Amino acid sequence: MRVNGLSEKTLKLGGFQCRSILFHAEGVPVVFLHGFSYTSEVWQRIGVTPLLMEKHVPFLALDMPYGSKSECIPKTHDPQKNVAFAKQAIHDAFGEKQPVLVGASLGGHIALQYAAQFPVKGLLLVAPARALDEALVPLFERFRFPVRIIWGSEDNVISGEEMRVLSDKLPKAKLVTYEGAAHSAYVGQPERFKRDLLELYASAEQTQ
C-alpha cells in the first residue's frame, strides 16, 4: 500500500519476510527498531511517524525477526541475523545513506550492535537491553556520533545505574530520565519522546 510517499509492504530479505513502513524524502533517514513485545505499528500509534512525514524526514519502521508479535517469519533472537536483516533493509531503502537508529529495549541492543559494525549518524536508545555486553563495551570509544539514552524512573526491567554506566562509556551520550515512566517510556510520554527525537536528529544531521 502506498499513500503520499508512505508505503507499507513485506520485505523479503536474507531468508526473512517482514512487514515494513517506509517514507521517502530527502535527508538523513530515521530507522525504528521496536521492543520485543511491540511491532513497527507502535511508532504510528504514538504519533512519531506522522510527525516525521509532516517534517519531510525519511524513515523506515521495521517489524524485526526478534519480535514476539512482529509480522516477520521466521523468528530469531540471534543478534547478528537481526543486524544483517536491518542492514539489508536500510540499504534497500536508502542506499549508502547513514541512518539515525531509534531502538527500544531489545531494539536498542540491536541498534548498538549495528552501530558497532556499520556507520550511523546517531542513536536514540530507550532503555536498551544488554547494553553493557562485554563484546560491545570495548567498541564504544569509537562511537563519535550523538547518542541520547532515555530511561523511565519506574522501569523495572533495566536499571538506572546500567544506563548511567552506558552513558559514561559513550563519548557523546546524554542520559534523559522520564520521571514516572515505565520500561516503554516513549509510549508513556510520547510528546516528550518526539521532542527528544527531533533534538537528537538535529544534532545527528551535523555529524561529519
C-alpha atoms as a PDB file:
ATOM      1  CA  MET A   1       0.000   0.000   0.000  1.00  0.00           C
ATOM      2  CA  ARG A   2       1.369   3.473  -0.882  1.00  0.00           C
ATOM      3  CA  VAL A   3      -0.138   6.806   0.164  1.00  0.00           C
ATOM      4  CA  ASN A   4       1.572  10.191  -0.345  1.00  0.00           C
ATOM      5  CA  GLY A   5       5.073   8.719  -0.312  1.00  0.00           C
ATOM      6  CA  LEU A   6       4.303   6.331   2.549  1.00  0.00           C
ATOM      7  CA  SER A   7       4.427   2.641   1.696  1.00  0.00           C
ATOM      8  CA  GLU A   8       3.742  -0.479   3.726  1.00  0.00           C
ATOM      9  CA  LYS A   9       5.000  -3.764   2.383  1.00  0.00           C
ATOM     10  CA  THR A  10       6.517  -7.109   3.261  1.00  0.00           C
ATOM     11  CA  LEU A  11      10.271  -7.169   2.774  1.00  0.00           C
ATOM     12  CA  LYS A  12      11.814 -10.424   1.579  1.00  0.00           C
ATOM     13  CA  LEU A  13      15.472 -10.226   2.556  1.00  0.00           C
ATOM     14  CA  GLY A  14      18.052 -12.745   3.707  1.00  0.00           C
ATOM     15  CA  GLY A  15      15.527 -15.514   4.212  1.00  0.00           C
ATOM     16  CA  PHE A  16      13.118 -13.330   6.198  1.00  0.00           C
ATOM     17  CA  GLN A  17       9.727 -11.906   5.296  1.00  0.00           C
ATOM     18  CA  CYS A  18       8.924  -8.908   7.483  1.00  0.00           C
ATOM     19  CA  ARG A  19       6.481  -6.001   7.434  1.00  0.00           C
ATOM     20  CA  SER A  20       7.915  -2.533   6.896  1.00  0.00           C
ATOM     21  CA  ILE A  21       6.699   1.068   6.789  1.00  0.00           C
ATOM     22  CA  LEU A  22       8.743   3.361   4.550  1.00  0.00           C
ATOM     23  CA  PHE A  23       8.610   7.088   3.857  1.00  0.00           C
ATOM     24  CA  HIS A  24      10.913   8.560   1.220  1.00  0.00           C
ATOM     25  CA  ALA A  25      12.178  12.147   1.400  1.00  0.00           C
ATOM     26  CA  GLU A  26      15.475  13.993   1.197  1.00  0.00           C
ATOM     27  CA  GLY A  27      17.882  13.975   4.128  1.00  0.00           C
ATOM     28  CA  VAL A  28      19.178  11.671   6.838  1.00  0.00           C
ATOM     29  CA  PRO A  29      16.842   8.684   7.311  1.00  0.00           C
ATOM     30  CA  VAL A  30      15.495   7.546  10.682  1.00  0.00           C
ATOM     31  CA  VAL A  31      15.197   3.788  11.236  1.00  0.00           C
ATOM     32  CA  PHE A  32      12.969   2.429  14.014  1.00  0.00           C
ATOM     33  CA  LEU A  33      13.644  -0.865  15.833  1.00  0.00           C
ATOM     34  CA  HIS A  34      10.814  -1.817  18.197  1.00  0.00           C
ATOM     35  CA  GLY A  35      10.994  -3.672  21.509  1.00  0.00           C
ATOM     36  CA  PHE A  36      10.412  -7.391  21.981  1.00  0.00           C
ATOM     37  CA  SER A  37       6.665  -7.092  22.655  1.00  0.00           C
ATOM     38  CA  TYR A  38       5.901  -4.427  20.049  1.00  0.00           C
ATOM     39  CA  THR A  39       5.788  -4.076  16.268  1.00  0.00           C
ATOM     40  CA  SER A  40       6.504  -1.278  13.800  1.00  0.00           C
ATOM     41  CA  GLU A  41       2.921  -0.109  14.375  1.00  0.00           C
ATOM     42  CA  VAL A  42       3.857   1.405  17.763  1.00  0.00           C
ATOM     43  CA  TRP A  43       5.666   4.327  16.113  1.00  0.00           C
ATOM     44  CA  GLN A  44       2.499   5.199  14.201  1.00  0.00           C
ATOM     45  CA  ARG A  45       0.309   4.787  17.276  1.00  0.00           C
ATOM     46  CA  ILE A  46       2.259   7.295  19.370  1.00  0.00           C
ATOM     47  CA  GLY A  47       2.376   9.788  16.501  1.00  0.00           C
ATOM     48  CA  VAL A  48       6.094   9.692  15.731  1.00  0.00           C
ATOM     49  CA  THR A  49       5.933   8.642  12.084  1.00  0.00           C
ATOM     50  CA  PRO A  50       3.183  11.158  11.226  1.00  0.00           C
ATOM     51  CA  LEU A  51       5.372  13.872  12.762  1.00  0.00           C
ATOM     52  CA  LEU A  52       8.341  12.873  10.592  1.00  0.00           C
ATOM     53  CA  MET A  53       6.134  12.849   7.494  1.00  0.00           C
ATOM     54  CA  GLU A  54       4.933  16.347   8.349  1.00  0.00           C
ATOM     55  CA  LYS A  55       8.577  17.473   8.607  1.00  0.00           C
ATOM     56  CA  HIS A  56       9.598  15.575   5.440  1.00  0.00           C
ATOM     57  CA  VAL A  57      12.066  13.338   7.285  1.00  0.00           C
ATOM     58  CA  PRO A  58      12.610   9.945   5.600  1.00  0.00           C
ATOM     59  CA  PHE A  59      12.091   6.896   7.792  1.00  0.00           C
ATOM     60  CA  LEU A  60      11.867   3.128   7.864  1.00  0.00           C
ATOM     61  CA  ALA A  61       9.999   1.261  10.604  1.00  0.00           C
ATOM     62  CA  LEU A  62      10.685  -2.459  10.619  1.00  0.00           C
ATOM     63  CA  ASP A  63       8.985  -5.469  12.101  1.00  0.00           C
ATOM     64  CA  MET A  64      12.050  -7.342  13.338  1.00  0.00           C
ATOM     65  CA  PRO A  65      12.730 -11.091  13.469  1.00  0.00           C
ATOM     66  CA  TYR A  66      13.258 -10.953  17.255  1.00  0.00           C
ATOM     67  CA  GLY A  67       9.759  -9.591  17.974  1.00  0.00           C
ATOM     68  CA  SER A  68       7.246 -11.832  19.698  1.00  0.00           C
ATOM     69  CA  LYS A  69       4.338 -10.091  17.920  1.00  0.00           C
ATOM     70  CA  SER A  70       6.085  -8.898  14.757  1.00  0.00           C
ATOM     71  CA  GLU A  71       4.790  -9.753  11.303  1.00  0.00           C
ATOM     72  CA  CYS A  72       8.033 -11.460  10.459  1.00  0.00           C
ATOM     73  CA  ILE A  73       8.882 -15.043   9.507  1.00  0.00           C
ATOM     74  CA  PRO A  74      10.895 -16.884  10.541  1.00  0.00           C
ATOM     75  CA  LYS A  75      11.698 -15.537  14.016  1.00  0.00           C
ATOM     76  CA  THR A  76      15.181 -15.462  15.525  1.00  0.00           C
ATOM     77  CA  HIS A  77      16.808 -13.922  18.600  1.00  0.00           C
ATOM     78  CA  ASP A  78      20.277 -14.150  17.039  1.00  0.00           C
ATOM     79  CA  PRO A  79      21.645 -10.574  17.212  1.00  0.00           C
ATOM     80  CA  GLN A  80      23.794 -10.880  14.096  1.00  0.00           C
ATOM     81  CA  LYS A  81      20.931 -12.192  11.977  1.00  0.00           C
ATOM     82  CA  ASN A  82      18.785  -9.293  13.147  1.00  0.00           C
ATOM     83  CA  VAL A  83      21.578  -6.798  12.426  1.00  0.00           C
ATOM     84  CA  ALA A  84      22.099  -8.310   8.968  1.00  0.00           C
ATOM     85  CA  PHE A  85      18.370  -8.052   8.208  1.00  0.00           C
ATOM     86  CA  ALA A  86      18.304  -4.414   9.322  1.00  0.00           C
ATOM     87  CA  LYS A  87      21.391  -3.616   7.261  1.00  0.00           C
ATOM     88  CA  GLN A  88      19.850  -5.111   4.105  1.00  0.00           C
ATOM     89  CA  ALA A  89      16.548  -3.317   4.688  1.00  0.00           C
ATOM     90  CA  ILE A  90      18.259   0.046   5.262  1.00  0.00           C
ATOM     91  CA  HIS A  91      20.460  -0.360   2.184  1.00  0.00           C
ATOM     92  CA  ASP A  92      17.484  -1.330   0.017  1.00  0.00           C
ATOM     93  CA  ALA A  93      15.524   1.706   1.222  1.00  0.00           C
ATOM     94  CA  PHE A  94      18.222   4.377   1.379  1.00  0.00           C
ATOM     95  CA  GLY A  95      21.338   3.098  -0.379  1.00  0.00           C
ATOM     96  CA  GLU A  96      24.544   4.341   1.251  1.00  0.00           C
ATOM     97  CA  LYS A  97      22.877   6.987   3.418  1.00  0.00           C
ATOM     98  CA  GLN A  98      23.850   6.661   7.078  1.00  0.00           C
ATOM     99  CA  PRO A  99      20.790   6.429   9.340  1.00  0.00           C
ATOM    100  CA  VAL A 100      19.802   7.642  12.745  1.00  0.00           C
ATOM    101  CA  LEU A 101      18.745   4.495  14.591  1.00  0.00           C
ATOM    102  CA  VAL A 102      15.959   4.537  17.162  1.00  0.00           C
ATOM    103  CA  GLY A 103      15.964   1.376  19.267  1.00  0.00           C
ATOM    104  CA  ALA A 104      13.743   0.462  22.218  1.00  0.00           C
ATOM    105  CA  SER A 105      14.718  -2.261  24.713  1.00  0.00           C
ATOM    106  CA  LEU A 106      15.823  -5.262  22.615  1.00  0.00           C
ATOM    107  CA  GLY A 107      15.744  -2.963  19.593  1.00  0.00           C
ATOM    108  CA  GLY A 108      18.243  -0.784  21.442  1.00  0.00           C
ATOM    109  CA  HIS A 109      20.592  -3.734  21.775  1.00  0.00           C
ATOM    110  CA  ILE A 110      20.342  -4.385  18.040  1.00  0.00           C
ATOM    111  CA  ALA A 111      20.924  -0.671  17.358  1.00  0.00           C
ATOM    112  CA  LEU A 112      24.134  -0.763  19.431  1.00  0.00           C
ATOM    113  CA  GLN A 113      25.256  -3.925  17.643  1.00  0.00           C
ATOM    114  CA  TYR A 114      24.530  -2.290  14.282  1.00  0.00           C
ATOM    115  CA  ALA A 115      26.426   0.890  15.156  1.00  0.00           C
ATOM    116  CA  ALA A 116      29.430  -1.185  16.217  1.00  0.00           C
ATOM    117  CA  GLN A 117      29.620  -2.611  12.686  1.00  0.00           C
ATOM    118  CA  PHE A 118      28.221  -0.020  10.283  1.00  0.00           C
ATOM    119  CA  PRO A 119      28.269   3.792  10.017  1.00  0.00           C
ATOM    120  CA  VAL A 120      25.378   5.686  11.615  1.00  0.00           C
ATOM    121  CA  LYS A 121      24.623   9.360  12.187  1.00  0.00           C
ATOM    122  CA  GLY A 122      23.228   8.945  15.677  1.00  0.00           C
ATOM    123  CA  LEU A 123      21.423   6.702  18.161  1.00  0.00           C
ATOM    124  CA  LEU A 124      18.278   7.268  20.207  1.00  0.00           C
ATOM    125  CA  LEU A 125      18.028   4.417  22.691  1.00  0.00           C
ATOM    126  CA  VAL A 126      15.120   3.727  25.028  1.00  0.00           C
ATOM    127  CA  ALA A 127      16.266   1.542  27.944  1.00  0.00           C
ATOM    128  CA  PRO A 128      18.395  -0.654  25.670  1.00  0.00           C
ATOM    129  CA  ALA A 129      18.681  -4.283  26.768  1.00  0.00           C
ATOM    130  CA  ARG A 130      22.080  -5.928  27.285  1.00  0.00           C
ATOM    131  CA  ALA A 131      23.720  -2.564  26.641  1.00  0.00           C
ATOM    132  CA  LEU A 132      26.872  -3.472  28.576  1.00  0.00           C
ATOM    133  CA  ASP A 133      27.519  -6.705  26.679  1.00  0.00           C
ATOM    134  CA  GLU A 134      31.209  -7.466  27.171  1.00  0.00           C
ATOM    135  CA  ALA A 135      31.782  -7.730  23.418  1.00  0.00           C
ATOM    136  CA  LEU A 136      30.205  -4.305  22.824  1.00  0.00           C
ATOM    137  CA  VAL A 137      31.729  -2.161  25.566  1.00  0.00           C
ATOM    138  CA  PRO A 138      35.287  -2.049  24.133  1.00  0.00           C
ATOM    139  CA  LEU A 139      33.848  -0.677  20.881  1.00  0.00           C
ATOM    140  CA  PHE A 140      32.009   2.249  22.456  1.00  0.00           C
ATOM    141  CA  GLU A 141      35.009   4.570  22.300  1.00  0.00           C
ATOM    142  CA  ARG A 142      34.561   4.571  18.505  1.00  0.00           C
ATOM    143  CA  PHE A 143      31.015   5.945  18.766  1.00  0.00           C
ATOM    144  CA  ARG A 144      31.748   9.538  17.744  1.00  0.00           C
ATOM    145  CA  PHE A 145      28.149  10.375  16.845  1.00  0.00           C
ATOM    146  CA  PRO A 146      25.474  11.806  19.174  1.00  0.00           C
ATOM    147  CA  VAL A 147      23.634   9.338  21.401  1.00  0.00           C
ATOM    148  CA  ARG A 148      20.608  10.011  23.558  1.00  0.00           C
ATOM    149  CA  ILE A 149      19.549   7.418  26.131  1.00  0.00           C
ATOM    150  CA  ILE A 150      16.029   7.549  27.557  1.00  0.00           C
ATOM    151  CA  TRP A 151      15.156   5.747  30.779  1.00  0.00           C
ATOM    152  CA  GLY A 152      11.914   5.751  32.769  1.00  0.00           C
ATOM    153  CA  SER A 153      12.253   6.196  36.520  1.00  0.00           C
ATOM    154  CA  GLU A 154       9.700   3.405  37.098  1.00  0.00           C
ATOM    155  CA  ASP A 155      11.457   0.941  34.769  1.00  0.00           C
ATOM    156  CA  ASN A 156      11.561  -2.465  36.482  1.00  0.00           C
ATOM    157  CA  VAL A 157      13.414  -4.175  33.619  1.00  0.00           C
ATOM    158  CA  ILE A 158      16.514  -2.030  33.049  1.00  0.00           C
ATOM    159  CA  SER A 159      18.292  -0.306  35.944  1.00  0.00           C
ATOM    160  CA  GLY A 160      19.122   3.365  36.024  1.00  0.00           C
ATOM    161  CA  GLU A 161      22.646   2.522  37.139  1.00  0.00           C
ATOM    162  CA  GLU A 162      23.200   0.447  33.988  1.00  0.00           C
ATOM    163  CA  MET A 163      22.030   3.364  31.877  1.00  0.00           C
ATOM    164  CA  ARG A 164      24.345   5.757  33.754  1.00  0.00           C
ATOM    165  CA  VAL A 165      27.308   3.454  33.143  1.00  0.00           C
ATOM    166  CA  LEU A 166      26.379   3.177  29.465  1.00  0.00           C
ATOM    167  CA  SER A 167      26.150   6.964  29.165  1.00  0.00           C
ATOM    168  CA  ASP A 168      29.589   7.356  30.764  1.00  0.00           C
ATOM    169  CA  LYS A 169      31.138   4.893  28.325  1.00  0.00           C
ATOM    170  CA  LEU A 170      29.791   6.559  25.174  1.00  0.00           C
ATOM    171  CA  PRO A 171      31.789   9.663  24.160  1.00  0.00           C
ATOM    172  CA  LYS A 172      28.833  11.806  23.009  1.00  0.00           C
ATOM    173  CA  ALA A 173      25.937  10.420  25.049  1.00  0.00           C
ATOM    174  CA  LYS A 174      23.263  12.190  27.052  1.00  0.00           C
ATOM    175  CA  LEU A 175      21.069  10.324  29.550  1.00  0.00           C
ATOM    176  CA  VAL A 176      17.499  11.610  29.944  1.00  0.00           C
ATOM    177  CA  THR A 177      15.225  10.341  32.716  1.00  0.00           C
ATOM    178  CA  TYR A 178      11.465  10.337  32.185  1.00  0.00           C
ATOM    179  CA  GLU A 179      10.062  10.692  35.689  1.00  0.00           C
ATOM    180  CA  GLY A 180       7.161   8.360  36.357  1.00  0.00           C
ATOM    181  CA  ALA A 181       7.614   6.407  33.123  1.00  0.00           C
ATOM    182  CA  ALA A 182       7.923   2.626  32.961  1.00  0.00           C
ATOM    183  CA  HIS A 183      10.149   0.499  30.692  1.00  0.00           C
ATOM    184  CA  SER A 184       8.449   1.673  27.483  1.00  0.00           C
ATOM    185  CA  ALA A 185       8.999   5.322  28.391  1.00  0.00           C
ATOM    186  CA  TYR A 186       8.349   6.535  24.841  1.00  0.00           C
ATOM    187  CA  VAL A 187       4.843   5.047  24.902  1.00  0.00           C
ATOM    188  CA  GLY A 188       4.076   6.605  28.286  1.00  0.00           C
ATOM    189  CA  GLN A 189       5.367  10.071  27.379  1.00  0.00           C
ATOM    190  CA  PRO A 190       5.147  10.327  23.575  1.00  0.00           C
ATOM    191  CA  GLU A 191       5.213  14.128  23.341  1.00  0.00           C
ATOM    192  CA  ARG A 192       8.482  14.329  25.244  1.00  0.00           C
ATOM    193  CA  PHE A 193       9.855  11.490  23.166  1.00  0.00           C
ATOM    194  CA  LYS A 194       9.044  13.362  19.957  1.00  0.00           C
ATOM    195  CA  ARG A 195      10.958  16.403  21.217  1.00  0.00           C
ATOM    196  CA  ASP A 196      13.956  14.267  22.155  1.00  0.00           C
ATOM    197  CA  LEU A 197      13.901  12.580  18.753  1.00  0.00           C
ATOM    198  CA  LEU A 198      13.856  15.889  16.893  1.00  0.00           C
ATOM    199  CA  GLU A 199      16.690  17.282  19.054  1.00  0.00           C
ATOM    200  CA  LEU A 200      18.828  14.182  18.538  1.00  0.00           C
ATOM    201  CA  TYR A 201      18.050  14.242  14.819  1.00  0.00           C
ATOM    202  CA  ALA A 202      19.155  17.882  14.527  1.00  0.00           C
ATOM    203  CA  SER A 203      22.469  17.006  16.214  1.00  0.00           C
ATOM    204  CA  ALA A 204      22.941  13.941  14.014  1.00  0.00           C
ATOM    205  CA  GLU A 205      22.402  15.936  10.822  1.00  0.00           C
ATOM    206  CA  GLN A 206      25.510  17.945  11.710  1.00  0.00           C
ATOM    207  CA  THR A 207      27.688  14.858  12.279  1.00  0.00           C
ATOM    208  CA  GLN A 208      30.515  14.580   9.764  1.00  0.00           C
END
